Amino acid sequence: MNSNARHERWIAFAMILPSIILLAIFVYGFIGWTGLVSVSKWDGIQPDYTFVGLDNYRQLFSRVAGGIAATRFYTGLWNTFFFTIFFLLLCVGFGLLLAILLDQKVKGEGIFRTIYLFPMAISFVVTGVVWQWIFAPGTESRPRGINALLGQLGLEHLKWGWYTDPTAIGPFHVALIPVFIAAAWQMIGYTMAMYLAGLRAIPDDLREAGRVDGASGIGVYRHIVMPLLRPITFSALIVLGHISLKIFDLIYTMTGKGPAFATDVPGIFMFETTFQGNHYAQGAAISVIMLLMVALVIIPYLIYSFRQEVEL
């Protein structure tokens, strides 16, 4: 390696060194500090780093030792599970449908694309506030939001409490339904854009060859288009999955923990435990568990992506 190449490498390293330092401190450093707090006895304003091992984790997973905290934690995990499943189904299903419709070269495609992508331009906080207004049930004498609209349409029998309804069907709380809708409304445009880009990248010759072989319009999508879109589907599931597992801002602004923890998730539990209850060790334990949940989704995807790049 000549001196000029070596000099360029040192310049490149010097350019990224500040980013490496900041990343090491404010990301991995704080992750390590959170892990340290999660195995400590810190329970109050005054820091207490006395080592207690995995006691904070045992309290979260033991209904006997953890009491209400463990019950709430399990409820939050179930809510996150159902939220993730329905959120992914709605985003992927409707995103694919919208992409297929736009792929038909409809008039005003640019306008429709803008409308579908617009929700991504606003934050989850704004989305939560707006949809809170929409799903606010009001009272029997003064209905609000969707209930008011249903009343004007003569569909009073469809009125219900929406996110204020504490009804549970097994571990599933019906109050989560408005949350599914609000979250999907914001992210459907993302999957639509991904699928539309994938559809436009498929050569027309492949589709025409399928039609020549006797495939119907549905058959072309089923046997040719959809297999080619699998990498996009996989990427969308990973991105949306990690968003759903660490969801906080949308639910916190829209419903909070809900009636009887009906819309509670680990993010809200962690926030209230740490910054309202001052139970820093237990809050850190919840944070570490959330990190591990996200890692279970992200790490396999990173390994898969790295292997694909190596093969190419």
C-alpha atoms as a PDB file:
ATOM      1  CA  MET A   1       0.000   0.000   0.000  1.00  0.00           C
ATOM      2  CA  ASN A   2       1.533   3.319  -1.101  1.00  0.00           C
ATOM      3  CA  SER A   3       1.676   6.411   1.101  1.00  0.00           C
ATOM      4  CA  ASN A   4      -1.203   8.172  -0.687  1.00  0.00           C
ATOM      5  CA  ALA A   5      -3.592   5.251  -0.146  1.00  0.00           C
ATOM      6  CA  ARG A   6      -2.539   5.005   3.499  1.00  0.00           C
ATOM      7  CA  HIS A   7      -3.050   8.729   3.915  1.00  0.00           C
ATOM      8  CA  GLU A   8      -6.548   8.522   2.412  1.00  0.00           C
ATOM      9  CA  ARG A   9      -7.478   5.675   4.755  1.00  0.00           C
ATOM     10  CA  TRP A  10      -6.395   7.709   7.790  1.00  0.00           C
ATOM     11  CA  ILE A  11      -8.417  10.683   6.558  1.00  0.00           C
ATOM     12  CA  ALA A  12     -11.484   8.465   6.103  1.00  0.00           C
ATOM     13  CA  PHE A  13     -11.012   7.008   9.580  1.00  0.00           C
ATOM     14  CA  ALA A  14     -10.642  10.492  11.090  1.00  0.00           C
ATOM     15  CA  MET A  15     -13.872  11.564   9.400  1.00  0.00           C
ATOM     16  CA  ILE A  16     -15.925   8.742  10.940  1.00  0.00           C
ATOM     17  CA  LEU A  17     -14.130   8.703  14.307  1.00  0.00           C
ATOM     18  CA  PRO A  18     -16.460  11.302  15.939  1.00  0.00           C
ATOM     19  CA  SER A  19     -19.494   9.224  14.896  1.00  0.00           C
ATOM     20  CA  ILE A  20     -17.889   6.078  16.308  1.00  0.00           C
ATOM     21  CA  ILE A  21     -17.186   7.812  19.626  1.00  0.00           C
ATOM     22  CA  LEU A  22     -20.705   9.232  19.908  1.00  0.00           C
ATOM     23  CA  LEU A  23     -22.217   5.853  18.994  1.00  0.00           C
ATOM     24  CA  ALA A  24     -20.067   4.077  21.562  1.00  0.00           C
ATOM     25  CA  ILE A  25     -21.061   6.496  24.319  1.00  0.00           C
ATOM     26  CA  PHE A  26     -24.687   7.352  23.654  1.00  0.00           C
ATOM     27  CA  VAL A  27     -25.865   3.992  22.290  1.00  0.00           C
ATOM     28  CA  TYR A  28     -23.747   1.088  23.498  1.00  0.00           C
ATOM     29  CA  GLY A  29     -22.543   2.907  26.585  1.00  0.00           C
ATOM     30  CA  PHE A  30     -26.084   3.634  27.751  1.00  0.00           C
ATOM     31  CA  ILE A  31     -27.183   0.103  26.871  1.00  0.00           C
ATOM     32  CA  GLY A  32     -24.443  -1.202  29.132  1.00  0.00           C
ATOM     33  CA  TRP A  33     -25.415   1.251  31.875  1.00  0.00           C
ATOM     34  CA  THR A  34     -29.067   0.181  31.605  1.00  0.00           C
ATOM     35  CA  GLY A  35     -27.997  -3.448  31.932  1.00  0.00           C
ATOM     36  CA  LEU A  36     -25.998  -2.543  35.048  1.00  0.00           C
ATOM     37  CA  VAL A  37     -28.964  -0.744  36.617  1.00  0.00           C
ATOM     38  CA  SER A  38     -31.255  -3.708  35.818  1.00  0.00           C
ATOM     39  CA  VAL A  39     -29.226  -5.972  38.119  1.00  0.00           C
ATOM     40  CA  SER A  40     -28.949  -3.398  40.901  1.00  0.00           C
ATOM     41  CA  LYS A  41     -31.115  -2.427  43.892  1.00  0.00           C
ATOM     42  CA  TRP A  42     -31.891   1.087  42.654  1.00  0.00           C
ATOM     43  CA  ASP A  43     -35.448   1.770  43.839  1.00  0.00           C
ATOM     44  CA  GLY A  44     -35.869   5.481  44.489  1.00  0.00           C
ATOM     45  CA  ILE A  45     -34.381   8.850  43.626  1.00  0.00           C
ATOM     46  CA  GLN A  46     -31.034   8.044  45.229  1.00  0.00           C
ATOM     47  CA  PRO A  47     -28.912   5.670  43.052  1.00  0.00           C
ATOM     48  CA  ASP A  48     -28.158   2.302  44.626  1.00  0.00           C
ATOM     49  CA  TYR A  49     -25.933   0.012  42.571  1.00  0.00           C
ATOM     50  CA  THR A  50     -25.990  -2.867  45.035  1.00  0.00           C
ATOM     51  CA  PHE A  51     -25.869  -6.047  42.973  1.00  0.00           C
ATOM     52  CA  VAL A  52     -29.025  -8.197  43.257  1.00  0.00           C
ATOM     53  CA  GLY A  53     -28.522 -10.469  40.262  1.00  0.00           C
ATOM     54  CA  LEU A  54     -31.652 -11.340  38.294  1.00  0.00           C
ATOM     55  CA  ASP A  55     -34.122 -10.469  41.062  1.00  0.00           C
ATOM     56  CA  ASN A  56     -35.703  -7.654  39.052  1.00  0.00           C
ATOM     57  CA  TYR A  57     -36.266 -10.011  36.138  1.00  0.00           C
ATOM     58  CA  ARG A  58     -37.704 -12.709  38.394  1.00  0.00           C
ATOM     59  CA  GLN A  59     -40.246 -10.246  39.773  1.00  0.00           C
ATOM     60  CA  LEU A  60     -41.440  -9.423  36.273  1.00  0.00           C
ATOM     61  CA  PHE A  61     -41.897 -13.050  35.269  1.00  0.00           C
ATOM     62  CA  SER A  62     -43.145 -14.407  38.625  1.00  0.00           C
ATOM     63  CA  ARG A  63     -46.785 -13.631  39.376  1.00  0.00           C
ATOM     64  CA  VAL A  64     -46.233 -14.672  42.998  1.00  0.00           C
ATOM     65  CA  ALA A  65     -43.165 -12.530  43.697  1.00  0.00           C
ATOM     66  CA  GLY A  66     -43.966  -9.735  41.256  1.00  0.00           C
ATOM     67  CA  GLY A  67     -47.610  -9.161  42.149  1.00  0.00           C
ATOM     68  CA  ILE A  68     -49.332  -6.434  40.136  1.00  0.00           C
ATOM     69  CA  ALA A  69     -46.112  -5.616  38.289  1.00  0.00           C
ATOM     70  CA  ALA A  70     -45.842  -9.145  36.901  1.00  0.00           C
ATOM     71  CA  THR A  71     -49.541  -9.167  35.981  1.00  0.00           C
ATOM     72  CA  ARG A  72     -49.197  -5.886  34.154  1.00  0.00           C
ATOM     73  CA  PHE A  73     -46.007  -7.051  32.442  1.00  0.00           C
ATOM     74  CA  TYR A  74     -47.676 -10.223  31.120  1.00  0.00           C
ATOM     75  CA  THR A  75     -50.664  -8.173  29.957  1.00  0.00           C
ATOM     76  CA  GLY A  76     -48.330  -5.832  28.121  1.00  0.00           C
ATOM     77  CA  LEU A  77     -46.589  -8.739  26.415  1.00  0.00           C
ATOM     78  CA  TRP A  78     -49.913 -10.201  25.260  1.00  0.00           C
ATOM     79  CA  ASN A  79     -51.023  -6.800  23.995  1.00  0.00           C
ATOM     80  CA  THR A  80     -47.748  -6.390  22.115  1.00  0.00           C
ATOM     81  CA  PHE A  81     -48.197  -9.846  20.572  1.00  0.00           C
ATOM     82  CA  PHE A  82     -51.692  -9.091  19.297  1.00  0.00           C
ATOM     83  CA  PHE A  83     -50.735  -5.589  18.227  1.00  0.00           C
ATOM     84  CA  THR A  84     -47.803  -6.956  16.208  1.00  0.00           C
ATOM     85  CA  ILE A  85     -49.879  -9.638  14.480  1.00  0.00           C
ATOM     86  CA  PHE A  86     -52.737  -7.365  13.418  1.00  0.00           C
ATOM     87  CA  PHE A  87     -50.449  -4.428  12.650  1.00  0.00           C
ATOM     88  CA  LEU A  88     -48.374  -6.560  10.268  1.00  0.00           C
ATOM     89  CA  LEU A  89     -51.429  -8.107   8.619  1.00  0.00           C
ATOM     90  CA  LEU A  90     -53.081  -4.743   8.010  1.00  0.00           C
ATOM     91  CA  CYS A  91     -49.950  -2.991   6.763  1.00  0.00           C
ATOM     92  CA  VAL A  92     -48.759  -5.780   4.488  1.00  0.00           C
ATOM     93  CA  GLY A  93     -52.210  -6.737   3.211  1.00  0.00           C
ATOM     94  CA  PHE A  94     -53.519  -3.255   2.427  1.00  0.00           C
ATOM     95  CA  GLY A  95     -50.100  -2.013   1.332  1.00  0.00           C
ATOM     96  CA  LEU A  96     -49.886  -4.794  -1.251  1.00  0.00           C
ATOM     97  CA  LEU A  97     -53.457  -4.171  -2.391  1.00  0.00           C
ATOM     98  CA  LEU A  98     -52.851  -0.443  -2.897  1.00  0.00           C
ATOM     99  CA  ALA A  99     -49.590  -1.138  -4.735  1.00  0.00           C
ATOM    100  CA  ILE A 100     -51.330  -3.544  -7.116  1.00  0.00           C
ATOM    101  CA  LEU A 101     -54.086  -1.008  -7.791  1.00  0.00           C
ATOM    102  CA  LEU A 102     -51.572   1.761  -8.500  1.00  0.00           C
ATOM    103  CA  ASP A 103     -49.583  -0.588 -10.722  1.00  0.00           C
ATOM    104  CA  GLN A 104     -52.523  -0.647 -13.142  1.00  0.00           C
ATOM    105  CA  LYS A 105     -51.404   2.789 -14.439  1.00  0.00           C
ATOM    106  CA  VAL A 106     -54.470   4.567 -13.065  1.00  0.00           C
ATOM    107  CA  LYS A 107     -55.035   8.235 -13.797  1.00  0.00           C
ATOM    108  CA  GLY A 108     -53.833  10.571 -11.078  1.00  0.00           C
ATOM    109  CA  GLU A 109     -51.407   7.986  -9.734  1.00  0.00           C
ATOM    110  CA  GLY A 110     -49.136  10.675  -8.324  1.00  0.00           C
ATOM    111  CA  ILE A 111     -52.003  12.179  -6.320  1.00  0.00           C
ATOM    112  CA  PHE A 112     -52.955   8.807  -4.876  1.00  0.00           C
ATOM    113  CA  ARG A 113     -49.334   8.044  -3.998  1.00  0.00           C
ATOM    114  CA  THR A 114     -49.067  11.348  -2.168  1.00  0.00           C
ATOM    115  CA  ILE A 115     -52.299  10.703  -0.252  1.00  0.00           C
ATOM    116  CA  TYR A 116     -51.192   7.216   0.812  1.00  0.00           C
ATOM    117  CA  LEU A 117     -47.703   8.370   1.826  1.00  0.00           C
ATOM    118  CA  PHE A 118     -48.845  11.520   3.627  1.00  0.00           C
ATOM    119  CA  PRO A 119     -49.419   9.819   7.032  1.00  0.00           C
ATOM    120  CA  MET A 120     -45.720   8.913   7.134  1.00  0.00           C
ATOM    121  CA  ALA A 121     -44.878  12.626   7.184  1.00  0.00           C
ATOM    122  CA  ILE A 122     -46.371  13.031  10.657  1.00  0.00           C
ATOM    123  CA  SER A 123     -45.232  11.524  13.924  1.00  0.00           C
ATOM    124  CA  PHE A 124     -46.906   8.775  15.907  1.00  0.00           C
ATOM    125  CA  VAL A 125     -47.703  11.389  18.559  1.00  0.00           C
ATOM    126  CA  VAL A 126     -49.804  13.434  16.123  1.00  0.00           C
ATOM    127  CA  THR A 127     -51.424  10.265  14.810  1.00  0.00           C
ATOM    128  CA  GLY A 128     -52.330   9.208  18.337  1.00  0.00           C
ATOM    129  CA  VAL A 129     -53.937  12.553  19.163  1.00  0.00           C
ATOM    130  CA  VAL A 130     -55.946  12.693  15.931  1.00  0.00           C
ATOM    131  CA  TRP A 131     -57.235   9.140  16.197  1.00  0.00           C
ATOM    132  CA  GLN A 132     -58.018   9.693  19.864  1.00  0.00           C
ATOM    133  CA  TRP A 133     -60.455  12.388  18.752  1.00  0.00           C
ATOM    134  CA  ILE A 134     -61.870  10.131  16.041  1.00  0.00           C
ATOM    135  CA  PHE A 135     -62.484   7.171  18.363  1.00  0.00           C
ATOM    136  CA  ALA A 136     -63.543   9.187  21.407  1.00  0.00           C
ATOM    137  CA  PRO A 137     -66.911   7.562  22.247  1.00  0.00           C
ATOM    138  CA  GLY A 138     -68.431  10.516  24.085  1.00  0.00           C
ATOM    139  CA  THR A 139     -71.567   9.862  26.106  1.00  0.00           C
ATOM    140  CA  GLU A 140     -74.945   8.364  25.346  1.00  0.00           C
ATOM    141  CA  SER A 141     -76.533  11.806  25.056  1.00  0.00           C
ATOM    142  CA  ARG A 142     -73.570  13.445  23.334  1.00  0.00           C
ATOM    143  CA  PRO A 143     -71.685  10.924  21.178  1.00  0.00           C
ATOM    144  CA  ARG A 144     -68.443  12.010  19.601  1.00  0.00           C
ATOM    145  CA  GLY A 145     -66.195  10.923  16.747  1.00  0.00           C
ATOM    146  CA  ILE A 146     -67.216   7.773  14.945  1.00  0.00           C
ATOM    147  CA  ASN A 147     -70.126   7.210  17.312  1.00  0.00           C
ATOM    148  CA  ALA A 148     -71.610  10.558  16.279  1.00  0.00           C
ATOM    149  CA  LEU A 149     -71.222   9.607  12.613  1.00  0.00           C
ATOM    150  CA  LEU A 150     -72.841   6.218  13.194  1.00  0.00           C
ATOM    151  CA  GLY A 151     -75.741   7.937  14.925  1.00  0.00           C
ATOM    152  CA  GLN A 152     -76.293  10.260  11.960  1.00  0.00           C
ATOM    153  CA  LEU A 153     -76.251   7.266   9.605  1.00  0.00           C
ATOM    154  CA  GLY A 154     -78.851   5.447  11.685  1.00  0.00           C
ATOM    155  CA  LEU A 155     -76.383   2.785  12.820  1.00  0.00           C
ATOM    156  CA  GLU A 156     -76.742   3.275  16.563  1.00  0.00           C
ATOM    157  CA  HIS A 157     -76.363  -0.469  17.164  1.00  0.00           C
ATOM    158  CA  LEU A 158     -72.723  -0.231  15.998  1.00  0.00           C
ATOM    159  CA  LYS A 159     -71.767   2.295  18.690  1.00  0.00           C
ATOM    160  CA  TRP A 160     -69.421   1.106  21.401  1.00  0.00           C
ATOM    161  CA  GLY A 161     -66.745   2.359  23.738  1.00  0.00           C
ATOM    162  CA  TRP A 162     -63.781   1.833  21.369  1.00  0.00           C
ATOM    163  CA  TYR A 163     -60.531   2.306  23.318  1.00  0.00           C
ATOM    164  CA  THR A 164     -62.453   2.846  26.580  1.00  0.00           C
ATOM    165  CA  ASP A 165     -64.026  -0.625  26.422  1.00  0.00           C
ATOM    166  CA  PRO A 166     -62.418  -2.948  29.041  1.00  0.00           C
ATOM    167  CA  THR A 167     -63.930  -6.101  27.475  1.00  0.00           C
ATOM    168  CA  ALA A 168     -61.443  -8.938  27.009  1.00  0.00           C
ATOM    169  CA  ILE A 169     -61.773 -12.079  24.891  1.00  0.00           C
ATOM    170  CA  GLY A 170     -59.265 -14.336  26.585  1.00  0.00           C
ATOM    171  CA  PRO A 171     -55.956 -12.417  26.570  1.00  0.00           C
ATOM    172  CA  PHE A 172     -57.166 -10.142  23.737  1.00  0.00           C
ATOM    173  CA  HIS A 173     -58.592  -6.734  24.660  1.00  0.00           C
ATOM    174  CA  VAL A 174     -61.053  -5.226  22.180  1.00  0.00           C
ATOM    175  CA  ALA A 175     -59.805  -1.746  23.136  1.00  0.00           C
ATOM    176  CA  LEU A 176     -56.731  -2.521  21.016  1.00  0.00           C
ATOM    177  CA  ILE A 177     -58.759  -2.458  17.779  1.00  0.00           C
ATOM    178  CA  PRO A 178     -58.664   1.357  17.403  1.00  0.00           C
ATOM    179  CA  VAL A 179     -54.911   1.226  18.051  1.00  0.00           C
ATOM    180  CA  PHE A 180     -54.440  -1.314  15.227  1.00  0.00           C
ATOM    181  CA  ILE A 181     -56.329   0.951  12.854  1.00  0.00           C
ATOM    182  CA  ALA A 182     -54.428   4.113  13.804  1.00  0.00           C
ATOM    183  CA  ALA A 183     -51.007   2.457  13.545  1.00  0.00           C
ATOM    184  CA  ALA A 184     -51.822   0.759  10.241  1.00  0.00           C
ATOM    185  CA  TRP A 185     -53.164   4.041   8.809  1.00  0.00           C
ATOM    186  CA  GLN A 186     -49.752   5.617   9.311  1.00  0.00           C
ATOM    187  CA  MET A 187     -47.595   2.769   7.982  1.00  0.00           C
ATOM    188  CA  ILE A 188     -49.651   1.300   5.106  1.00  0.00           C
ATOM    189  CA  GLY A 189     -48.130   3.915   2.801  1.00  0.00           C
ATOM    190  CA  TYR A 190     -44.666   2.597   3.646  1.00  0.00           C
ATOM    191  CA  THR A 191     -45.445  -0.957   2.554  1.00  0.00           C
ATOM    192  CA  MET A 192     -47.358   0.368  -0.464  1.00  0.00           C
ATOM    193  CA  ALA A 193     -44.259   2.267  -1.625  1.00  0.00           C
ATOM    194  CA  MET A 194     -42.030  -0.772  -1.141  1.00  0.00           C
ATOM    195  CA  TYR A 195     -44.366  -3.090  -3.025  1.00  0.00           C
ATOM    196  CA  LEU A 196     -44.946  -0.561  -5.797  1.00  0.00           C
ATOM    197  CA  ALA A 197     -41.191  -0.226  -6.331  1.00  0.00           C
ATOM    198  CA  GLY A 198     -40.933  -4.013  -6.444  1.00  0.00           C
ATOM    199  CA  LEU A 199     -43.792  -4.312  -8.935  1.00  0.00           C
ATOM    200  CA  ARG A 200     -42.272  -1.700 -11.219  1.00  0.00           C
ATOM    201  CA  ALA A 201     -38.949  -3.585 -11.152  1.00  0.00           C
ATOM    202  CA  ILE A 202     -40.540  -6.784 -12.522  1.00  0.00           C
ATOM    203  CA  PRO A 203     -40.091  -6.908 -16.335  1.00  0.00           C
ATOM    204  CA  ASP A 204     -43.303  -6.915 -18.348  1.00  0.00           C
ATOM    205  CA  ASP A 205     -41.870  -9.799 -20.368  1.00  0.00           C
ATOM    206  CA  LEU A 206     -42.257 -12.131 -17.376  1.00  0.00           C
ATOM    207  CA  ARG A 207     -45.907 -11.256 -16.930  1.00  0.00           C
ATOM    208  CA  GLU A 208     -46.575 -11.553 -20.654  1.00  0.00           C
ATOM    209  CA  ALA A 209     -44.879 -14.946 -20.719  1.00  0.00           C
ATOM    210  CA  GLY A 210     -47.198 -16.096 -17.941  1.00  0.00           C
ATOM    211  CA  ARG A 211     -50.261 -14.933 -19.881  1.00  0.00           C
ATOM    212  CA  VAL A 212     -49.015 -16.726 -22.988  1.00  0.00           C
ATOM    213  CA  ASP A 213     -48.735 -19.914 -20.939  1.00  0.00           C
ATOM    214  CA  GLY A 214     -52.399 -19.559 -20.025  1.00  0.00           C
ATOM    215  CA  ALA A 215     -52.164 -17.946 -16.598  1.00  0.00           C
ATOM    216  CA  SER A 216     -55.022 -15.667 -15.601  1.00  0.00           C
ATOM    217  CA  GLY A 217     -54.487 -12.218 -14.085  1.00  0.00           C
ATOM    218  CA  ILE A 218     -54.656 -13.678 -10.585  1.00  0.00           C
ATOM    219  CA  GLY A 219     -52.420 -16.564 -11.660  1.00  0.00           C
ATOM    220  CA  VAL A 220     -49.752 -14.147 -12.884  1.00  0.00           C
ATOM    221  CA  TYR A 221     -49.663 -12.439  -9.494  1.00  0.00           C
ATOM    222  CA  ARG A 222     -49.787 -15.728  -7.603  1.00  0.00           C
ATOM    223  CA  HIS A 223     -47.106 -17.661  -9.494  1.00  0.00           C
ATOM    224  CA  ILE A 224     -44.859 -14.914 -10.881  1.00  0.00           C
ATOM    225  CA  VAL A 225     -45.264 -11.596  -9.083  1.00  0.00           C
ATOM    226  CA  MET A 226     -45.673 -12.713  -5.465  1.00  0.00           C
ATOM    227  CA  PRO A 227     -42.608 -15.030  -5.405  1.00  0.00           C
ATOM    228  CA  LEU A 228     -40.505 -12.146  -6.739  1.00  0.00           C
ATOM    229  CA  LEU A 229     -41.852  -9.866  -3.991  1.00  0.00           C
ATOM    230  CA  ARG A 230     -40.868 -12.182  -1.141  1.00  0.00           C
ATOM    231  CA  PRO A 231     -37.672 -10.253  -0.247  1.00  0.00           C
ATOM    232  CA  ILE A 232     -39.728  -7.051  -0.014  1.00  0.00           C
ATOM    233  CA  THR A 233     -42.324  -8.772   2.162  1.00  0.00           C
ATOM    234  CA  PHE A 234     -39.571 -10.072   4.426  1.00  0.00           C
ATOM    235  CA  SER A 235     -37.971  -6.626   4.739  1.00  0.00           C
ATOM    236  CA  ALA A 236     -41.327  -4.989   5.455  1.00  0.00           C
ATOM    237  CA  LEU A 237     -42.135  -7.533   8.156  1.00  0.00           C
ATOM    238  CA  ILE A 238     -38.788  -6.924   9.842  1.00  0.00           C
ATOM    239  CA  VAL A 239     -39.062  -3.129   9.813  1.00  0.00           C
ATOM    240  CA  LEU A 240     -42.699  -3.076  10.910  1.00  0.00           C
ATOM    241  CA  GLY A 241     -42.086  -5.837  13.450  1.00  0.00           C
ATOM    242  CA  HIS A 242     -39.392  -3.934  15.295  1.00  0.00           C
ATOM    243  CA  ILE A 243     -41.612  -0.815  15.294  1.00  0.00           C
ATOM    244  CA  SER A 244     -44.486  -2.749  16.843  1.00  0.00           C
ATOM    245  CA  LEU A 245     -42.344  -4.395  19.508  1.00  0.00           C
ATOM    246  CA  LYS A 246     -41.098  -1.071  20.872  1.00  0.00           C
ATOM    247  CA  ILE A 247     -44.281   0.929  20.272  1.00  0.00           C
ATOM    248  CA  PHE A 248     -44.823   3.653  22.837  1.00  0.00           C
ATOM    249  CA  ASP A 249     -45.662   7.133  21.540  1.00  0.00           C
ATOM    250  CA  LEU A 250     -48.774   6.252  19.538  1.00  0.00           C
ATOM    251  CA  ILE A 251     -50.441   4.268  22.318  1.00  0.00           C
ATOM    252  CA  TYR A 252     -49.326   6.643  25.076  1.00  0.00           C
ATOM    253  CA  THR A 253     -50.872   9.678  23.372  1.00  0.00           C
ATOM    254  CA  MET A 254     -53.954   7.854  22.096  1.00  0.00           C
ATOM    255  CA  THR A 255     -55.096   5.625  24.951  1.00  0.00           C
ATOM    256  CA  GLY A 256     -52.383   5.357  27.600  1.00  0.00           C
ATOM    257  CA  LYS A 257     -52.498   2.042  29.413  1.00  0.00           C
ATOM    258  CA  GLY A 258     -56.271   1.955  28.908  1.00  0.00           C
ATOM    259  CA  PRO A 259     -58.947   0.588  31.235  1.00  0.00           C
ATOM    260  CA  ALA A 260     -57.669  -2.402  33.216  1.00  0.00           C
ATOM    261  CA  PHE A 261     -54.387  -2.225  31.239  1.00  0.00           C
ATOM    262  CA  ALA A 262     -56.368  -3.014  28.065  1.00  0.00           C
ATOM    263  CA  THR A 263     -53.920  -1.130  25.831  1.00  0.00           C
ATOM    264  CA  ASP A 264     -50.829  -1.357  28.004  1.00  0.00           C
ATOM    265  CA  VAL A 265     -47.492  -2.305  26.418  1.00  0.00           C
ATOM    266  CA  PRO A 266     -43.999  -2.775  27.915  1.00  0.00           C
ATOM    267  CA  GLY A 267     -42.928   0.676  26.683  1.00  0.00           C
ATOM    268  CA  ILE A 268     -45.619   2.437  28.705  1.00  0.00           C
ATOM    269  CA  PHE A 269     -45.001   0.158  31.701  1.00  0.00           C
ATOM    270  CA  MET A 270     -41.288   0.965  31.561  1.00  0.00           C
ATOM    271  CA  PHE A 271     -41.906   4.728  31.302  1.00  0.00           C
ATOM    272  CA  GLU A 272     -44.327   4.838  34.234  1.00  0.00           C
ATOM    273  CA  THR A 273     -42.232   2.478  36.360  1.00  0.00           C
ATOM    274  CA  THR A 274     -39.020   4.415  35.805  1.00  0.00           C
ATOM    275  CA  PHE A 275     -39.994   8.070  35.566  1.00  0.00           C
ATOM    276  CA  GLN A 276     -43.219   8.177  37.565  1.00  0.00           C
ATOM    277  CA  GLY A 277     -42.662   5.437  40.129  1.00  0.00           C
ATOM    278  CA  ASN A 278     -38.869   5.964  40.422  1.00  0.00           C
ATOM    279  CA  HIS A 279     -38.316   2.177  40.304  1.00  0.00           C
ATOM    280  CA  TYR A 280     -35.228   2.534  38.165  1.00  0.00           C
ATOM    281  CA  ALA A 281     -33.911  -1.019  38.487  1.00  0.00           C
ATOM    282  CA  GLN A 282     -37.215  -2.599  37.488  1.00  0.00           C
ATOM    283  CA  GLY A 283     -37.656  -0.079  34.661  1.00  0.00           C
ATOM    284  CA  ALA A 284     -34.179  -0.909  33.379  1.00  0.00           C
ATOM    285  CA  ALA A 285     -35.036  -4.624  33.460  1.00  0.00           C
ATOM    286  CA  ILE A 286     -38.112  -3.953  31.313  1.00  0.00           C
ATOM    287  CA  SER A 287     -35.946  -1.936  28.907  1.00  0.00           C
ATOM    288  CA  VAL A 288     -33.449  -4.787  28.562  1.00  0.00           C
ATOM    289  CA  ILE A 289     -36.256  -7.253  27.856  1.00  0.00           C
ATOM    290  CA  MET A 290     -37.631  -4.923  25.166  1.00  0.00           C
ATOM    291  CA  LEU A 291     -34.156  -4.668  23.661  1.00  0.00           C
ATOM    292  CA  LEU A 292     -33.874  -8.453  23.528  1.00  0.00           C
ATOM    293  CA  MET A 293     -37.311  -8.706  21.890  1.00  0.00           C
ATOM    294  CA  VAL A 294     -36.242  -6.309  19.145  1.00  0.00           C
ATOM    295  CA  ALA A 295     -32.883  -8.066  18.795  1.00  0.00           C
ATOM    296  CA  LEU A 296     -34.647 -11.374  18.151  1.00  0.00           C
ATOM    297  CA  VAL A 297     -36.198  -9.734  15.091  1.00  0.00           C
ATOM    298  CA  ILE A 298     -33.330  -7.570  13.850  1.00  0.00           C
ATOM    299  CA  ILE A 299     -30.307  -9.847  14.287  1.00  0.00           C
ATOM    300  CA  PRO A 300     -31.596 -12.708  12.053  1.00  0.00           C
ATOM    301  CA  TYR A 301     -32.430 -10.108   9.393  1.00  0.00           C
ATOM    302  CA  LEU A 302     -28.929  -8.614   9.585  1.00  0.00           C
ATOM    303  CA  ILE A 303     -27.380 -12.071   9.294  1.00  0.00           C
ATOM    304  CA  TYR A 304     -29.609 -12.861   6.308  1.00  0.00           C
ATOM    305  CA  SER A 305     -28.742  -9.556   4.605  1.00  0.00           C
ATOM    306  CA  PHE A 306     -25.016 -10.078   5.198  1.00  0.00           C
ATOM    307  CA  ARG A 307     -25.147 -13.572   3.694  1.00  0.00           C
ATOM    308  CA  GLN A 308     -27.034 -12.243   0.655  1.00  0.00           C
ATOM    309  CA  GLU A 309     -24.373  -9.585   0.087  1.00  0.00           C
ATOM    310  CA  VAL A 310     -21.587 -12.152   0.399  1.00  0.00           C
ATOM    311  CA  GLU A 311     -23.279 -14.439  -2.121  1.00  0.00           C
ATOM    312  CA  LEU A 312     -23.647 -11.561  -4.566  1.00  0.00           C
END
